[in-house]
């Protein structure tokens, strides 16, 4: 389905994930972040997103989040959760297709954990 994100035509799926990842760039990431309620993406956000995209390009899969933090140069293992709260939000803003069989659950709306039973 086609959508406009701040005036730019982008093909989004039902859940708001970009359907054609070649339409993504860091400008689109900033626009998507605003749609998701984030004011802007700082350098740490962008480094995490670039690292997630590199992982996807190399492996075609959702990464182990602590490894993304390490590769992004973060000193904490929870950089994705700290910067994006929900790891799926980082994936979406990175312009990657919705992963199948990957789900996160939050019991308090603040901390998201992998849900293997979804």
C-alpha atoms as a PDB file:
ATOM      1  CA  UNK A   1       0.000   0.000   0.000  1.00  0.00           C
ATOM      2  CA  UNK A   2       1.312   3.450  -0.815  1.00  0.00           C
ATOM      3  CA  UNK A   3       1.688   6.130   1.818  1.00  0.00           C
ATOM      4  CA  UNK A   4       3.161   9.551   2.155  1.00  0.00           C
ATOM      5  CA  UNK A   5       5.633  10.234   4.904  1.00  0.00           C
ATOM      6  CA  UNK A   6       5.945  13.996   5.207  1.00  0.00           C
ATOM      7  CA  UNK A   7       5.308  14.373   1.471  1.00  0.00           C
ATOM      8  CA  UNK A   8       7.469  11.457   0.271  1.00  0.00           C
ATOM      9  CA  UNK A   9       5.733   8.497  -1.416  1.00  0.00           C
ATOM     10  CA  UNK A  10       6.736   5.274   0.352  1.00  0.00           C
ATOM     11  CA  UNK A  11       5.250   1.782   0.099  1.00  0.00           C
ATOM     12  CA  UNK A  12       4.324   0.697   3.620  1.00  0.00           C
ATOM     13  CA  UNK A  13       2.812  -2.569   4.775  1.00  0.00           C
ATOM     14  CA  UNK A  14      -0.108  -2.908   7.182  1.00  0.00           C
ATOM     15  CA  UNK A  15       2.111  -2.446  10.230  1.00  0.00           C
ATOM     16  CA  UNK A  16       4.001   0.549   8.820  1.00  0.00           C
ATOM     17  CA  UNK A  17       7.135  -1.314   7.716  1.00  0.00           C
ATOM     18  CA  UNK A  18       8.701  -0.176   4.439  1.00  0.00           C
ATOM     19  CA  UNK A  19       7.971  -2.701   1.702  1.00  0.00           C
ATOM     20  CA  UNK A  20      10.816  -1.686  -0.620  1.00  0.00           C
ATOM     21  CA  UNK A  21      13.973  -1.141   1.400  1.00  0.00           C
ATOM     22  CA  UNK A  22      15.611   0.679  -1.523  1.00  0.00           C
ATOM     23  CA  UNK A  23      13.253   3.593  -0.743  1.00  0.00           C
ATOM     24  CA  UNK A  24      14.979   4.058   2.627  1.00  0.00           C
ATOM     25  CA  UNK A  25      17.603   6.626   3.472  1.00  0.00           C
ATOM     26  CA  UNK A  26      18.485   8.470   6.675  1.00  0.00           C
ATOM     27  CA  UNK A  27      16.116  11.304   5.756  1.00  0.00           C
ATOM     28  CA  UNK A  28      13.259   8.782   5.563  1.00  0.00           C
ATOM     29  CA  UNK A  29      14.425   7.344   8.904  1.00  0.00           C
ATOM     30  CA  UNK A  30      14.097  10.789  10.500  1.00  0.00           C
ATOM     31  CA  UNK A  31      10.581  11.150   9.054  1.00  0.00           C
ATOM     32  CA  UNK A  32       9.561   7.674  10.236  1.00  0.00           C
ATOM     33  CA  UNK A  33      10.908   8.430  13.710  1.00  0.00           C
ATOM     34  CA  UNK A  34       8.716  11.536  13.900  1.00  0.00           C
ATOM     35  CA  UNK A  35       5.698   9.443  12.841  1.00  0.00           C
ATOM     36  CA  UNK A  36       6.522   7.086  15.714  1.00  0.00           C
ATOM     37  CA  UNK A  37       6.644   9.939  18.229  1.00  0.00           C
ATOM     38  CA  UNK A  38      10.397  10.514  18.357  1.00  0.00           C
ATOM     39  CA  UNK A  39      11.551  14.130  17.955  1.00  0.00           C
ATOM     40  CA  UNK A  40      14.683  13.267  16.009  1.00  0.00           C
ATOM     41  CA  UNK A  41      17.383  10.661  15.618  1.00  0.00           C
ATOM     42  CA  UNK A  42      20.761  11.575  17.070  1.00  0.00           C
ATOM     43  CA  UNK A  43      24.102  10.079  16.041  1.00  0.00           C
ATOM     44  CA  UNK A  44      23.750   7.118  18.408  1.00  0.00           C
ATOM     45  CA  UNK A  45      20.316   6.298  16.958  1.00  0.00           C
ATOM     46  CA  UNK A  46      21.728   6.477  13.437  1.00  0.00           C
ATOM     47  CA  UNK A  47      24.753   4.342  14.317  1.00  0.00           C
ATOM     48  CA  UNK A  48      22.464   1.659  15.767  1.00  0.00           C
ATOM     49  CA  UNK A  49      20.229   1.785  12.689  1.00  0.00           C
ATOM     50  CA  UNK A  50      23.197   1.535  10.304  1.00  0.00           C
ATOM     51  CA  UNK A  51      24.526  -1.432  12.304  1.00  0.00           C
ATOM     52  CA  UNK A  52      21.136  -3.178  12.196  1.00  0.00           C
ATOM     53  CA  UNK A  53      20.981  -2.637   8.422  1.00  0.00           C
ATOM     54  CA  UNK A  54      24.522  -4.014   7.994  1.00  0.00           C
ATOM     55  CA  UNK A  55      23.572  -7.095   9.987  1.00  0.00           C
ATOM     56  CA  UNK A  56      20.489  -7.616   7.830  1.00  0.00           C
ATOM     57  CA  UNK A  57      22.529  -7.163   4.625  1.00  0.00           C
ATOM     58  CA  UNK A  58      25.030  -9.801   5.790  1.00  0.00           C
ATOM     59  CA  UNK A  59      22.703 -12.308   7.457  1.00  0.00           C
ATOM     60  CA  UNK A  60      19.138 -11.578   6.314  1.00  0.00           C
ATOM     61  CA  UNK A  61      17.866 -11.964   9.860  1.00  0.00           C
ATOM     62  CA  UNK A  62      16.980 -10.136  13.047  1.00  0.00           C
ATOM     63  CA  UNK A  63      20.142  -9.695  15.152  1.00  0.00           C
ATOM     64  CA  UNK A  64      21.052 -10.473  18.722  1.00  0.00           C
ATOM     65  CA  UNK A  65      20.613  -6.996  20.156  1.00  0.00           C
ATOM     66  CA  UNK A  66      23.640  -7.059  22.472  1.00  0.00           C
ATOM     67  CA  UNK A  67      25.833  -7.761  19.431  1.00  0.00           C
ATOM     68  CA  UNK A  68      24.374  -4.716  17.669  1.00  0.00           C
ATOM     69  CA  UNK A  69      25.334  -2.573  20.660  1.00  0.00           C
ATOM     70  CA  UNK A  70      28.859  -3.982  20.687  1.00  0.00           C
ATOM     71  CA  UNK A  71      29.291  -3.453  16.925  1.00  0.00           C
ATOM     72  CA  UNK A  72      27.837   0.067  17.217  1.00  0.00           C
ATOM     73  CA  UNK A  73      30.493   0.898  19.815  1.00  0.00           C
ATOM     74  CA  UNK A  74      28.118   1.214  22.755  1.00  0.00           C
ATOM     75  CA  UNK A  75      29.371   0.427  26.228  1.00  0.00           C
ATOM     76  CA  UNK A  76      25.943  -0.914  27.239  1.00  0.00           C
ATOM     77  CA  UNK A  77      24.350  -4.154  26.066  1.00  0.00           C
ATOM     78  CA  UNK A  78      20.912  -2.537  26.002  1.00  0.00           C
ATOM     79  CA  UNK A  79      21.598   0.412  23.673  1.00  0.00           C
ATOM     80  CA  UNK A  80      18.716  -0.515  21.355  1.00  0.00           C
ATOM     81  CA  UNK A  81      16.208  -0.597  24.209  1.00  0.00           C
ATOM     82  CA  UNK A  82      17.668   2.560  25.739  1.00  0.00           C
ATOM     83  CA  UNK A  83      17.473   4.550  22.502  1.00  0.00           C
ATOM     84  CA  UNK A  84      14.317   3.064  20.932  1.00  0.00           C
ATOM     85  CA  UNK A  85      12.519   1.376  23.848  1.00  0.00           C
ATOM     86  CA  UNK A  86      10.984  -1.268  21.565  1.00  0.00           C
ATOM     87  CA  UNK A  87      13.590  -3.046  19.387  1.00  0.00           C
ATOM     88  CA  UNK A  88      10.964  -3.519  16.678  1.00  0.00           C
ATOM     89  CA  UNK A  89      10.757   0.273  16.401  1.00  0.00           C
ATOM     90  CA  UNK A  90      14.487   0.435  15.590  1.00  0.00           C
ATOM     91  CA  UNK A  91      13.956  -2.257  12.951  1.00  0.00           C
ATOM     92  CA  UNK A  92      11.029  -0.356  11.428  1.00  0.00           C
ATOM     93  CA  UNK A  93      12.880   2.971  11.344  1.00  0.00           C
ATOM     94  CA  UNK A  94      15.842   1.149   9.766  1.00  0.00           C
ATOM     95  CA  UNK A  95      13.569   0.505   6.796  1.00  0.00           C
ATOM     96  CA  UNK A  96      13.705  -3.270   6.993  1.00  0.00           C
ATOM     97  CA  UNK A  97      10.850  -5.677   6.238  1.00  0.00           C
ATOM     98  CA  UNK A  98       8.731  -6.881   9.123  1.00  0.00           C
ATOM     99  CA  UNK A  99      10.426 -10.002  10.451  1.00  0.00           C
ATOM    100  CA  UNK A 100       8.344 -13.113  10.804  1.00  0.00           C
ATOM    101  CA  UNK A 101       8.378 -14.961  14.102  1.00  0.00           C
ATOM    102  CA  UNK A 102      10.045 -12.105  16.030  1.00  0.00           C
ATOM    103  CA  UNK A 103       7.871 -10.521  18.692  1.00  0.00           C
ATOM    104  CA  UNK A 104       8.511  -8.347  21.707  1.00  0.00           C
ATOM    105  CA  UNK A 105       6.212  -7.950  24.675  1.00  0.00           C
ATOM    106  CA  UNK A 106       6.044  -5.244  27.308  1.00  0.00           C
ATOM    107  CA  UNK A 107       4.305  -5.592  30.624  1.00  0.00           C
ATOM    108  CA  UNK A 108       4.902  -2.006  31.682  1.00  0.00           C
ATOM    109  CA  UNK A 109       5.076  -0.161  28.334  1.00  0.00           C
ATOM    110  CA  UNK A 110       8.705   0.731  29.004  1.00  0.00           C
ATOM    111  CA  UNK A 111      10.761  -2.434  28.763  1.00  0.00           C
ATOM    112  CA  UNK A 112      10.323  -4.848  25.866  1.00  0.00           C
ATOM    113  CA  UNK A 113      11.476  -8.446  25.996  1.00  0.00           C
ATOM    114  CA  UNK A 114      11.542 -11.142  23.308  1.00  0.00           C
ATOM    115  CA  UNK A 115       8.398 -13.249  23.383  1.00  0.00           C
ATOM    116  CA  UNK A 116       9.117 -16.784  22.134  1.00  0.00           C
ATOM    117  CA  UNK A 117       5.500 -17.862  22.680  1.00  0.00           C
ATOM    118  CA  UNK A 118       3.746 -15.331  20.457  1.00  0.00           C
END
